[in-house]
Amino acid sequence: MTAHPPSPAARIAKGGKAVYGAPLGILMLEARFPRIPGDMGNASTWPFPVLYRVVRGASPEKVVLQGAAGLLPDFIEAAQDLVSLGAEAITTNCGFLALFQQELAAAARVPVATSSLMQVPWVQATLPPGKRVGIVTVCGGTLSPAHLRSAGVPLDTPVAGTEHGQEFFRVLIKAEKDDMDIALAEQDVVEAGKALVAGHPEVGAIVLECTNMPPYAAALRAAVGLPVYDIYSMITWFHAGLRPRVFGRD
């Protein structure tokens, strides 16, 4: 009697999504400034695939300078659309959207990380006694207690903004032109960080609020000699939970 080899295990692919292999969805503001590598809106920044959705009418000026007034329904709709496409978690490309953290998480019904500011309590836990986290933001004048509270940030956290710089704020928020001098933008971020540390010598680490700042994080780290965290550090952590690394088995 001839023995038959065992049947191979059944391979069944499960459906239910429109897009596969990109579990992270990013809600984007509507803007035309250049998004260089390292910027959250440049897809080459990420070591994994992402899904993008532009929220029409949500300009940086409306979100950063006007408190995103009236835009919550548009962000909820966009988040739900990303989830319907296949996103298993949602983030945004503006730290000021911390204001919508609870509402977006409730509406999307998946993990949501709206703002790089959410890292502040984590980073604070790593620091020695007497040291604290400081924030560099695109606009210190409009980063309100409501933004900080929504991200779990202590209200007395030191903050420095770039609104008085030469390039960064003018291009990203005021949309005065479509091109950007990268060296001047970097200088604005570095100068804000140096001013933060000079005014608050107890700062032991910096969190960058703005999702357009990761290209300049290394320069800031070199200038102030302190750890610098940004949306890239946060979202690579966030994604690691969505797709944990599979280690080899002996």
Protein backbone atom coordinates (compact mmCIF):
# COMPACT_ATOMS: atom_id res chain seq x y z
CA MET A 1 0.00 0.00 0.00
CA THR A 2 1.39 3.36 -1.06
CA ALA A 3 1.66 6.01 1.65
CA HIS A 4 0.47 9.48 0.69
CA PRO A 5 2.33 12.57 1.94
CA PRO A 6 0.44 14.67 4.46
CA SER A 7 -1.71 17.41 2.98
CA PRO A 8 -0.23 20.90 3.29
CA ALA A 9 -1.84 23.11 5.89
CA ALA A 10 -4.69 25.17 4.48
CA ARG A 11 -3.73 28.71 3.48
CA ILE A 12 -6.69 31.05 3.75
CA ALA A 13 -6.37 34.76 3.13
CA LYS A 14 -8.89 36.86 4.99
CA GLY A 15 -10.48 39.93 3.43
CA GLY A 16 -12.40 42.91 4.70
CA LYS A 17 -10.15 45.84 3.74
CA ALA A 18 -9.52 47.87 0.61
CA VAL A 19 -5.76 48.32 1.18
CA TYR A 20 -3.31 45.91 2.83
CA GLY A 21 0.20 46.21 4.20
CA ALA A 22 -0.10 49.82 5.43
CA PRO A 23 -1.62 49.72 8.92
CA LEU A 24 -0.84 53.36 9.77
CA GLY A 25 -3.05 56.18 8.48
CA ILE A 26 -1.90 59.82 8.51
CA LEU A 27 -4.32 62.74 8.47
CA MET A 28 -2.73 65.59 6.52
CA LEU A 29 -3.37 69.32 6.59
CA GLU A 30 -3.94 70.94 3.21
CA ALA A 31 -0.74 72.79 2.29
CA ARG A 32 1.65 73.35 -0.62
CA PHE A 33 5.02 73.92 1.05
CA PRO A 34 7.85 71.49 0.25
CA ARG A 35 7.98 68.34 2.35
CA ILE A 36 11.60 67.27 2.40
CA PRO A 37 12.79 63.81 3.53
CA GLY A 38 12.25 63.61 7.27
CA ASP A 39 9.03 65.60 7.05
CA MET A 40 6.02 63.54 8.09
CA GLY A 41 4.31 64.29 4.79
CA ASN A 42 7.15 62.85 2.72
CA ALA A 43 6.41 59.14 2.30
CA SER A 44 10.12 58.33 1.95
CA THR A 45 10.56 59.36 5.59
CA TRP A 46 8.97 56.17 6.84
CA PRO A 47 10.60 52.72 6.90
CA PHE A 48 7.14 51.22 6.40
CA PRO A 49 4.17 51.94 4.11
CA VAL A 50 1.61 54.52 5.26
CA LEU A 51 -1.80 55.72 4.08
CA TYR A 52 -2.37 59.46 3.63
CA ARG A 53 -5.62 61.44 3.65
CA VAL A 54 -5.64 65.23 3.11
CA VAL A 55 -8.33 67.06 5.07
CA ARG A 56 -9.51 69.70 2.61
CA GLY A 57 -9.77 73.18 4.04
CA ALA A 58 -7.63 72.37 7.08
CA SER A 59 -4.80 74.79 6.41
CA PRO A 60 -1.86 75.14 8.81
CA GLU A 61 -2.98 78.69 9.55
CA LYS A 62 -6.47 77.53 10.54
CA VAL A 63 -5.17 74.72 12.73
CA VAL A 64 -2.18 76.45 14.35
CA LEU A 65 -3.37 80.05 14.59
CA GLN A 66 -7.15 79.61 14.79
CA GLY A 67 -7.48 76.56 17.04
CA ALA A 68 -8.83 74.29 14.27
CA ALA A 69 -12.24 75.85 14.85
CA GLY A 70 -15.03 73.99 13.05
CA LEU A 71 -12.74 71.32 11.60
CA LEU A 72 -13.42 68.40 13.95
CA PRO A 73 -16.17 66.83 11.75
CA ASP A 74 -13.82 66.90 8.74
CA PHE A 75 -11.05 65.17 10.68
CA ILE A 76 -13.43 62.56 12.01
CA GLU A 77 -14.71 61.81 8.51
CA ALA A 78 -11.16 61.54 7.17
CA ALA A 79 -10.06 59.27 10.01
CA GLN A 80 -13.03 56.98 9.47
CA ASP A 81 -12.25 56.88 5.76
CA LEU A 82 -8.67 55.78 6.47
CA VAL A 83 -9.92 53.05 8.78
CA SER A 84 -12.35 51.86 6.11
CA LEU A 85 -9.44 51.66 3.67
CA GLY A 86 -7.42 49.47 6.01
CA ALA A 87 -5.69 51.68 8.58
CA GLU A 88 -5.37 50.02 11.98
CA ALA A 89 -4.18 53.18 13.73
CA ILE A 90 -4.32 56.92 13.02
CA THR A 91 -1.94 59.82 13.49
CA THR A 92 -1.89 63.40 12.22
CA ASN A 93 0.67 65.73 10.70
CA CYS A 94 0.15 68.61 13.13
CA GLY A 95 0.92 68.57 16.83
CA PHE A 96 -1.79 71.19 17.44
CA LEU A 97 -4.38 68.51 16.63
CA ALA A 98 -3.85 67.22 20.16
CA LEU A 99 -7.08 69.16 20.74
CA PHE A 100 -8.96 66.38 18.90
CA GLN A 101 -7.27 63.39 20.60
CA GLN A 102 -10.26 62.07 22.54
CA GLU A 103 -12.82 62.76 19.83
CA LEU A 104 -10.79 61.12 17.06
CA ALA A 105 -10.02 58.05 19.15
CA ALA A 106 -13.71 57.65 19.99
CA ALA A 107 -14.83 58.10 16.38
CA ALA A 108 -12.11 56.05 14.66
CA ARG A 109 -12.31 53.17 17.17
CA VAL A 110 -8.65 52.33 16.58
CA PRO A 111 -5.52 53.59 18.38
CA VAL A 112 -4.96 57.29 17.68
CA ALA A 113 -1.85 59.40 18.33
CA THR A 114 -2.61 62.95 17.29
CA SER A 115 0.49 64.78 18.48
CA SER A 116 4.21 64.46 19.12
CA LEU A 117 3.46 66.24 22.40
CA MET A 118 2.11 62.96 23.76
CA GLN A 119 5.75 61.92 24.23
CA VAL A 120 6.42 64.53 26.89
CA PRO A 121 5.31 62.39 29.88
CA TRP A 122 7.27 59.39 28.52
CA VAL A 123 10.45 61.40 28.08
CA GLN A 124 10.02 63.05 31.47
CA ALA A 125 10.01 59.62 33.08
CA THR A 126 13.50 58.96 31.69
CA LEU A 127 15.14 62.08 33.11
CA PRO A 128 17.10 62.37 36.35
CA PRO A 129 15.74 64.40 39.28
CA GLY A 130 15.84 68.14 38.68
CA LYS A 131 15.59 67.83 34.90
CA ARG A 132 12.48 68.37 32.79
CA VAL A 133 11.30 68.24 29.21
CA GLY A 134 11.13 71.36 27.07
CA ILE A 135 9.08 71.85 23.89
CA VAL A 136 10.06 73.48 20.60
CA THR A 137 6.93 74.33 18.63
CA VAL A 138 6.17 76.08 15.38
CA CYS A 139 4.19 78.73 17.29
CA GLY A 140 4.65 79.29 20.98
CA GLY A 141 2.06 82.05 21.02
CA THR A 142 -0.86 79.76 20.19
CA LEU A 143 0.22 76.53 21.89
CA SER A 144 -2.37 76.81 24.62
CA PRO A 145 -3.03 75.06 27.94
CA ALA A 146 -5.82 73.19 26.13
CA HIS A 147 -3.31 71.70 23.67
CA LEU A 148 -0.97 70.69 26.47
CA ARG A 149 -3.73 69.27 28.62
CA SER A 150 -5.10 67.16 25.76
CA ALA A 151 -1.64 65.62 25.26
CA GLY A 152 -1.04 65.01 28.97
CA VAL A 153 1.67 67.67 29.17
CA PRO A 154 2.22 69.63 32.41
CA LEU A 155 1.04 73.20 31.93
CA ASP A 156 4.28 74.68 33.26
CA THR A 157 6.41 72.91 30.62
CA PRO A 158 8.95 75.33 29.06
CA VAL A 159 8.08 76.20 25.44
CA ALA A 160 9.91 78.03 22.65
CA GLY A 161 8.48 78.77 19.19
CA THR A 162 9.80 79.59 15.72
CA GLU A 163 7.34 82.36 14.90
CA HIS A 164 10.01 85.05 15.13
CA GLY A 165 12.45 83.24 12.83
CA GLN A 166 13.34 84.03 9.26
CA GLU A 167 11.87 81.10 7.32
CA PHE A 168 10.17 78.17 9.05
CA PHE A 169 7.02 79.88 10.32
CA ARG A 170 6.71 82.11 7.24
CA VAL A 171 6.63 79.14 4.87
CA LEU A 172 4.76 76.53 6.89
CA ILE A 173 2.12 78.58 8.66
CA LYS A 174 1.78 81.89 6.84
CA ALA A 175 2.25 80.30 3.38
CA GLU A 176 4.12 83.37 2.13
CA LYS A 177 5.84 81.31 -0.57
CA ASP A 178 5.95 77.76 -1.98
CA ASP A 179 9.69 77.25 -1.74
CA MET A 180 11.80 77.01 1.40
CA ASP A 181 15.41 77.75 2.28
CA ILE A 182 16.30 74.59 4.18
CA ALA A 183 19.35 76.10 5.87
CA LEU A 184 17.29 79.02 7.19
CA ALA A 185 14.49 76.68 8.32
CA GLU A 186 17.04 74.59 10.21
CA GLN A 187 18.50 77.73 11.76
CA ASP A 188 15.06 78.77 13.03
CA VAL A 189 14.52 75.42 14.76
CA VAL A 190 18.03 75.35 16.22
CA GLU A 191 17.78 78.93 17.49
CA ALA A 192 14.44 78.19 19.15
CA GLY A 193 15.97 75.18 20.88
CA LYS A 194 19.00 77.15 22.03
CA ALA A 195 16.77 79.89 23.41
CA LEU A 196 14.70 77.28 25.24
CA VAL A 197 17.75 75.79 26.95
CA ALA A 198 19.29 79.19 27.70
CA GLY A 199 16.09 80.35 29.39
CA HIS A 200 15.49 77.06 31.19
CA PRO A 201 18.77 75.39 32.16
CA GLU A 202 16.82 72.64 33.89
CA VAL A 203 15.70 71.28 30.49
CA GLY A 204 17.19 67.81 30.04
CA ALA A 205 15.48 66.76 26.79
CA ILE A 206 13.49 68.41 24.01
CA VAL A 207 10.31 67.29 22.26
CA LEU A 208 9.60 68.84 18.86
CA GLU A 209 5.89 69.54 18.47
CA CYS A 210 5.90 70.23 14.75
CA THR A 211 5.83 67.27 12.38
CA ASN A 212 7.93 69.23 9.86
CA MET A 213 10.86 69.47 12.29
CA PRO A 214 12.41 65.95 12.18
CA PRO A 215 14.83 66.95 9.36
CA TYR A 216 16.43 69.37 11.83
CA ALA A 217 16.43 67.20 14.96
CA ALA A 218 20.02 66.04 14.52
CA ALA A 219 21.27 69.61 14.11
CA LEU A 220 19.42 70.66 17.25
CA ARG A 221 20.82 67.70 19.16
CA ALA A 222 24.33 68.71 18.11
CA ALA A 223 23.74 72.34 19.07
CA VAL A 224 22.34 71.81 22.56
CA GLY A 225 23.80 68.44 23.52
CA LEU A 226 20.48 67.05 24.72
CA PRO A 227 18.21 64.21 23.55
CA VAL A 228 15.68 65.39 20.95
CA TYR A 229 12.42 63.56 20.28
CA ASP A 230 9.97 64.24 17.45
CA ILE A 231 7.08 62.77 15.52
CA TYR A 232 9.45 60.31 13.83
CA SER A 233 10.57 58.83 17.13
CA MET A 234 6.97 58.63 18.30
CA ILE A 235 5.44 57.09 15.19
CA THR A 236 8.15 54.49 14.71
CA TRP A 237 7.35 53.40 18.28
CA PHE A 238 3.61 53.53 17.54
CA HIS A 239 3.99 51.43 14.40
CA ALA A 240 6.14 48.86 16.23
CA GLY A 241 3.07 47.83 18.19
CA LEU A 242 1.03 47.43 15.02
CA ARG A 243 3.63 45.18 13.40
CA PRO A 244 5.93 43.71 16.08
CA ARG A 245 9.17 42.37 14.72
CA VAL A 246 9.16 38.60 14.18
CA PHE A 247 12.41 37.22 15.55
CA GLY A 248 13.93 34.01 14.26
CA ARG A 249 13.36 30.82 16.20
CA ASP A 250 16.13 28.25 16.71
